[in-house]
Amino acid sequence: MTTSREHVISIVLSDEDWQAFIRVQPEPVEWLRERIKETVSGAISESFVASLADEANTTSATTR
């Protein structure tokens, strides 16, 4: 059974940086969450494509 866990990321920003950030990104938590999801899904896709390429190379090498 897989146990669901939540994780927290904390970064330190000066007040000046924070104010500038929320001016351009009024929903910073959601924005960060979406960037993380995009990064993870991109990494999974790249990994999947690489594994398919490796499998194809192995298959073609063994069928020669």
PDB file of N, CA and C in Angstrom:
ATOM      1  N   MET A   1       0.847  -1.182   0.000  1.00  0.00           N
ATOM      2  CA  MET A   1       0.000   0.000   0.000  1.00  0.00           C
ATOM      3  C   MET A   1       0.893   1.247   0.000  1.00  0.00           C
ATOM      4  N   THR A   2       0.610   2.171  -0.916  1.00  0.00           N
ATOM      5  CA  THR A   2       1.354   3.414  -1.012  1.00  0.00           C
ATOM      6  C   THR A   2       0.722   4.461  -0.107  1.00  0.00           C
ATOM      7  N   THR A   3       1.549   5.085   0.702  1.00  0.00           N
ATOM      8  CA  THR A   3       1.074   6.129   1.592  1.00  0.00           C
ATOM      9  C   THR A   3       1.260   7.477   0.914  1.00  0.00           C
ATOM     10  N   SER A   4       0.218   8.279   0.881  1.00  0.00           N
ATOM     11  CA  SER A   4       0.288   9.600   0.286  1.00  0.00           C
ATOM     12  C   SER A   4       0.950  10.558   1.273  1.00  0.00           C
ATOM     13  N   ARG A   5       1.922  11.294   0.780  1.00  0.00           N
ATOM     14  CA  ARG A   5       2.604  12.274   1.627  1.00  0.00           C
ATOM     15  C   ARG A   5       2.607  13.618   0.933  1.00  0.00           C
ATOM     16  N   GLU A   6       2.600  14.668   1.706  1.00  0.00           N
ATOM     17  CA  GLU A   6       2.705  16.009   1.161  1.00  0.00           C
ATOM     18  C   GLU A   6       4.087  16.540   1.473  1.00  0.00           C
ATOM     19  N   HIS A   7       4.594  17.364   0.590  1.00  0.00           N
ATOM     20  CA  HIS A   7       5.923  17.938   0.760  1.00  0.00           C
ATOM     21  C   HIS A   7       5.832  19.449   0.641  1.00  0.00           C
ATOM     22  N   VAL A   8       6.706  20.122   1.323  1.00  0.00           N
ATOM     23  CA  VAL A   8       6.715  21.575   1.355  1.00  0.00           C
ATOM     24  C   VAL A   8       8.063  22.073   0.849  1.00  0.00           C
ATOM     25  N   ILE A   9       8.010  23.085  -0.002  1.00  0.00           N
ATOM     26  CA  ILE A   9       9.224  23.755  -0.469  1.00  0.00           C
ATOM     27  C   ILE A   9       9.215  25.152   0.120  1.00  0.00           C
ATOM     28  N   SER A  10      10.322  25.552   0.670  1.00  0.00           N
ATOM     29  CA  SER A  10      10.417  26.879   1.257  1.00  0.00           C
ATOM     30  C   SER A  10      11.606  27.606   0.632  1.00  0.00           C
ATOM     31  N   ILE A  11      11.380  28.823   0.200  1.00  0.00           N
ATOM     32  CA  ILE A  11      12.474  29.638  -0.325  1.00  0.00           C
ATOM     33  C   ILE A  11      12.441  30.998   0.371  1.00  0.00           C
ATOM     34  N   VAL A  12      13.587  31.609   0.450  1.00  0.00           N
ATOM     35  CA  VAL A  12      13.690  32.912   1.097  1.00  0.00           C
ATOM     36  C   VAL A  12      13.821  33.968   0.003  1.00  0.00           C
ATOM     37  N   LEU A  13      12.937  34.953   0.062  1.00  0.00           N
ATOM     38  CA  LEU A  13      12.977  36.087  -0.861  1.00  0.00           C
ATOM     39  C   LEU A  13      12.946  37.373  -0.049  1.00  0.00           C
ATOM     40  N   SER A  14      13.652  38.358  -0.540  1.00  0.00           N
ATOM     41  CA  SER A  14      13.545  39.662   0.113  1.00  0.00           C
ATOM     42  C   SER A  14      12.142  40.189  -0.137  1.00  0.00           C
ATOM     43  N   ASP A  15      11.712  41.130   0.679  1.00  0.00           N
ATOM     44  CA  ASP A  15      10.387  41.702   0.492  1.00  0.00           C
ATOM     45  C   ASP A  15      10.287  42.349  -0.886  1.00  0.00           C
ATOM     46  N   GLU A  16      11.350  42.980  -1.322  1.00  0.00           N
ATOM     47  CA  GLU A  16      11.371  43.632  -2.635  1.00  0.00           C
ATOM     48  C   GLU A  16      11.154  42.592  -3.749  1.00  0.00           C
ATOM     49  N   ASP A  17      11.874  41.469  -3.680  1.00  0.00           N
ATOM     50  CA  ASP A  17      11.708  40.412  -4.680  1.00  0.00           C
ATOM     51  C   ASP A  17      10.307  39.813  -4.624  1.00  0.00           C
ATOM     52  N   TRP A  18       9.800  39.586  -3.414  1.00  0.00           N
ATOM     53  CA  TRP A  18       8.460  39.017  -3.257  1.00  0.00           C
ATOM     54  C   TRP A  18       7.404  39.935  -3.877  1.00  0.00           C
ATOM     55  N   GLN A  19       7.481  41.224  -3.563  1.00  0.00           N
ATOM     56  CA  GLN A  19       6.512  42.181  -4.100  1.00  0.00           C
ATOM     57  C   GLN A  19       6.577  42.235  -5.626  1.00  0.00           C
ATOM     58  N   ALA A  20       7.777  42.210  -6.180  1.00  0.00           N
ATOM     59  CA  ALA A  20       7.936  42.217  -7.638  1.00  0.00           C
ATOM     60  C   ALA A  20       7.354  40.938  -8.234  1.00  0.00           C
ATOM     61  N   PHE A  21       7.589  39.819  -7.588  1.00  0.00           N
ATOM     62  CA  PHE A  21       7.089  38.542  -8.085  1.00  0.00           C
ATOM     63  C   PHE A  21       5.568  38.497  -8.090  1.00  0.00           C
ATOM     64  N   ILE A  22       4.943  38.896  -6.989  1.00  0.00           N
ATOM     65  CA  ILE A  22       3.481  38.797  -6.942  1.00  0.00           C
ATOM     66  C   ILE A  22       2.800  39.853  -7.816  1.00  0.00           C
ATOM     67  N   ARG A  23       3.529  40.885  -8.201  1.00  0.00           N
ATOM     68  CA  ARG A  23       2.952  41.830  -9.170  1.00  0.00           C
ATOM     69  C   ARG A  23       2.773  41.149 -10.528  1.00  0.00           C
ATOM     70  N   VAL A  24       3.718  40.312 -10.913  1.00  0.00           N
ATOM     71  CA  VAL A  24       3.616  39.626 -12.212  1.00  0.00           C
ATOM     72  C   VAL A  24       2.963  38.259 -12.096  1.00  0.00           C
ATOM     73  N   GLN A  25       2.926  37.705 -10.888  1.00  0.00           N
ATOM     74  CA  GLN A  25       2.366  36.375 -10.644  1.00  0.00           C
ATOM     75  C   GLN A  25       1.492  36.431  -9.396  1.00  0.00           C
ATOM     76  N   PRO A  26       0.246  36.925  -9.529  1.00  0.00           N
ATOM     77  CA  PRO A  26      -0.588  37.129  -8.347  1.00  0.00           C
ATOM     78  C   PRO A  26      -0.981  35.846  -7.615  1.00  0.00           C
ATOM     79  N   GLU A  27      -0.838  34.692  -8.243  1.00  0.00           N
ATOM     80  CA  GLU A  27      -1.122  33.409  -7.599  1.00  0.00           C
ATOM     81  C   GLU A  27       0.169  32.590  -7.573  1.00  0.00           C
ATOM     82  N   PRO A  28       1.138  33.000  -6.741  1.00  0.00           N
ATOM     83  CA  PRO A  28       2.467  32.378  -6.804  1.00  0.00           C
ATOM     84  C   PRO A  28       2.493  30.888  -6.468  1.00  0.00           C
ATOM     85  N   VAL A  29       1.683  30.459  -5.534  1.00  0.00           N
ATOM     86  CA  VAL A  29       1.689  29.043  -5.155  1.00  0.00           C
ATOM     87  C   VAL A  29       1.184  28.187  -6.316  1.00  0.00           C
ATOM     88  N   GLU A  30       0.082  28.599  -6.905  1.00  0.00           N
ATOM     89  CA  GLU A  30      -0.465  27.844  -8.040  1.00  0.00           C
ATOM     90  C   GLU A  30       0.510  27.870  -9.221  1.00  0.00           C
ATOM     91  N   TRP A  31       1.137  29.012  -9.453  1.00  0.00           N
ATOM     92  CA  TRP A  31       2.107  29.137 -10.539  1.00  0.00           C
ATOM     93  C   TRP A  31       3.270  28.166 -10.324  1.00  0.00           C
ATOM     94  N   LEU A  32       3.806  28.126  -9.111  1.00  0.00           N
ATOM     95  CA  LEU A  32       4.900  27.201  -8.801  1.00  0.00           C
ATOM     96  C   LEU A  32       4.453  25.746  -8.941  1.00  0.00           C
ATOM     97  N   ARG A  33       3.278  25.434  -8.455  1.00  0.00           N
ATOM     98  CA  ARG A  33       2.747  24.069  -8.553  1.00  0.00           C
ATOM     99  C   ARG A  33       2.655  23.638 -10.023  1.00  0.00           C
ATOM    100  N   GLU A  34       2.148  24.523 -10.871  1.00  0.00           N
ATOM    101  CA  GLU A  34       2.029  24.206 -12.298  1.00  0.00           C
ATOM    102  C   GLU A  34       3.396  24.028 -12.950  1.00  0.00           C
ATOM    103  N   ARG A  35       4.376  24.866 -12.603  1.00  0.00           N
ATOM    104  CA  ARG A  35       5.724  24.719 -13.177  1.00  0.00           C
ATOM    105  C   ARG A  35       6.330  23.379 -12.761  1.00  0.00           C
ATOM    106  N   ILE A  36       6.104  22.977 -11.509  1.00  0.00           N
ATOM    107  CA  ILE A  36       6.624  21.691 -11.027  1.00  0.00           C
ATOM    108  C   ILE A  36       5.966  20.550 -11.800  1.00  0.00           C
ATOM    109  N   LYS A  37       4.645  20.608 -11.967  1.00  0.00           N
ATOM    110  CA  LYS A  37       3.941  19.560 -12.713  1.00  0.00           C
ATOM    111  C   LYS A  37       4.438  19.482 -14.152  1.00  0.00           C
ATOM    112  N   GLU A  38       4.641  20.637 -14.788  1.00  0.00           N
ATOM    113  CA  GLU A  38       5.159  20.654 -16.162  1.00  0.00           C
ATOM    114  C   GLU A  38       6.546  20.029 -16.231  1.00  0.00           C
ATOM    115  N   THR A  39       7.381  20.378 -15.272  1.00  0.00           N
ATOM    116  CA  THR A  39       8.744  19.844 -15.246  1.00  0.00           C
ATOM    117  C   THR A  39       8.739  18.344 -15.050  1.00  0.00           C
ATOM    118  N   VAL A  40       7.937  17.881 -14.111  1.00  0.00           N
ATOM    119  CA  VAL A  40       7.867  16.450 -13.824  1.00  0.00           C
ATOM    120  C   VAL A  40       7.306  15.691 -15.016  1.00  0.00           C
ATOM    121  N   SER A  41       6.224  16.183 -15.594  1.00  0.00           N
ATOM    122  CA  SER A  41       5.642  15.462 -16.736  1.00  0.00           C
ATOM    123  C   SER A  41       6.594  15.495 -17.917  1.00  0.00           C
ATOM    124  N   GLY A  42       7.344  16.579 -18.091  1.00  0.00           N
ATOM    125  CA  GLY A  42       8.344  16.640 -19.158  1.00  0.00           C
ATOM    126  C   GLY A  42       9.469  15.650 -18.913  1.00  0.00           C
ATOM    127  N   ALA A  43       9.896  15.536 -17.665  1.00  0.00           N
ATOM    128  CA  ALA A  43      10.966  14.588 -17.326  1.00  0.00           C
ATOM    129  C   ALA A  43      10.482  13.165 -17.526  1.00  0.00           C
ATOM    130  N   ILE A  44       9.240  12.889 -17.162  1.00  0.00           N
ATOM    131  CA  ILE A  44       8.691  11.546 -17.350  1.00  0.00           C
ATOM    132  C   ILE A  44       8.594  11.248 -18.840  1.00  0.00           C
ATOM    133  N   SER A  45       8.126  12.216 -19.632  1.00  0.00           N
ATOM    134  CA  SER A  45       8.009  12.013 -21.074  1.00  0.00           C
ATOM    135  C   SER A  45       9.372  11.766 -21.698  1.00  0.00           C
ATOM    136  N   GLU A  46      10.371  12.565 -21.318  1.00  0.00           N
ATOM    137  CA  GLU A  46      11.717  12.388 -21.855  1.00  0.00           C
ATOM    138  C   GLU A  46      12.270  11.023 -21.469  1.00  0.00           C
ATOM    139  N   SER A  47      12.044  10.619 -20.234  1.00  0.00           N
ATOM    140  CA  SER A  47      12.506   9.318 -19.767  1.00  0.00           C
ATOM    141  C   SER A  47      11.822   8.202 -20.539  1.00  0.00           C
ATOM    142  N   PHE A  48      10.523   8.342 -20.775  1.00  0.00           N
ATOM    143  CA  PHE A  48       9.761   7.338 -21.500  1.00  0.00           C
ATOM    144  C   PHE A  48      10.264   7.232 -22.942  1.00  0.00           C
ATOM    145  N   VAL A  49      10.472   8.368 -23.590  1.00  0.00           N
ATOM    146  CA  VAL A  49      10.971   8.372 -24.969  1.00  0.00           C
ATOM    147  C   VAL A  49      12.362   7.754 -25.020  1.00  0.00           C
ATOM    148  N   ALA A  50      13.208   8.091 -24.067  1.00  0.00           N
ATOM    149  CA  ALA A  50      14.557   7.523 -24.030  1.00  0.00           C
ATOM    150  C   ALA A  50      14.498   6.012 -23.831  1.00  0.00           C
ATOM    151  N   SER A  51      13.597   5.545 -22.965  1.00  0.00           N
ATOM    152  CA  SER A  51      13.502   4.102 -22.741  1.00  0.00           C
ATOM    153  C   SER A  51      12.990   3.400 -23.993  1.00  0.00           C
ATOM    154  N   LEU A  52      12.084   4.028 -24.725  1.00  0.00           N
ATOM    155  CA  LEU A  52      11.616   3.441 -25.981  1.00  0.00           C
ATOM    156  C   LEU A  52      12.746   3.376 -27.000  1.00  0.00           C
ATOM    157  N   ALA A  53      13.556   4.427 -27.056  1.00  0.00           N
ATOM    158  CA  ALA A  53      14.679   4.446 -27.985  1.00  0.00           C
ATOM    159  C   ALA A  53      15.691   3.370 -27.611  1.00  0.00           C
ATOM    160  N   ASP A  54      15.970   3.223 -26.324  1.00  0.00           N
ATOM    161  CA  ASP A  54      16.893   2.173 -25.872  1.00  0.00           C
ATOM    162  C   ASP A  54      16.359   0.799 -26.231  1.00  0.00           C
ATOM    163  N   GLU A  55      15.060   0.618 -26.021  1.00  0.00           N
ATOM    164  CA  GLU A  55      14.434  -0.666 -26.328  1.00  0.00           C
ATOM    165  C   GLU A  55      14.506  -0.947 -27.823  1.00  0.00           C
ATOM    166  N   ALA A  56      14.266   0.066 -28.632  1.00  0.00           N
ATOM    167  CA  ALA A  56      14.337  -0.097 -30.086  1.00  0.00           C
ATOM    168  C   ALA A  56      15.757  -0.430 -30.518  1.00  0.00           C
ATOM    169  N   ASN A  57      16.739   0.226 -29.916  1.00  0.00           N
ATOM    170  CA  ASN A  57      18.133  -0.055 -30.258  1.00  0.00           C
ATOM    171  C   ASN A  57      18.515  -1.482 -29.852  1.00  0.00           C
ATOM    172  N   THR A  58      18.072  -1.899 -28.697  1.00  0.00           N
ATOM    173  CA  THR A  58      18.365  -3.260 -28.229  1.00  0.00           C
ATOM    174  C   THR A  58      17.690  -4.285 -29.114  1.00  0.00           C
ATOM    175  N   THR A  59      16.434  -4.025 -29.475  1.00  0.00           N
ATOM    176  CA  THR A  59      15.676  -4.948 -30.312  1.00  0.00           C
ATOM    177  C   THR A  59      16.305  -5.049 -31.692  1.00  0.00           C
ATOM    178  N   SER A  60      16.665  -3.917 -32.288  1.00  0.00           N
ATOM    179  CA  SER A  60      17.240  -3.950 -33.635  1.00  0.00           C
ATOM    180  C   SER A  60      18.618  -4.610 -33.617  1.00  0.00           C
ATOM    181  N   ALA A  61      19.362  -4.442 -32.532  1.00  0.00           N
ATOM    182  CA  ALA A  61      20.683  -5.049 -32.431  1.00  0.00           C
ATOM    183  C   ALA A  61      20.569  -6.568 -32.298  1.00  0.00           C
ATOM    184  N   THR A  62      19.529  -7.041 -31.626  1.00  0.00           N
ATOM    185  CA  THR A  62      19.381  -8.485 -31.425  1.00  0.00           C
ATOM    186  C   THR A  62      18.736  -9.174 -32.617  1.00  0.00           C
ATOM    187  N   THR A  63      18.076  -8.407 -33.488  1.00  0.00           N
ATOM    188  CA  THR A  63      17.430  -9.016 -34.648  1.00  0.00           C
ATOM    189  C   THR A  63      18.280  -8.959 -35.887  1.00  0.00           C
ATOM    190  N   ARG A  64      19.457  -8.363 -35.788  1.00  0.00           N
ATOM    191  CA  ARG A  64      20.351  -8.294 -36.949  1.00  0.00           C
ATOM    192  C   ARG A  64      21.040  -9.596 -37.197  1.00  0.00           C
TER     193      ARG A  64
END
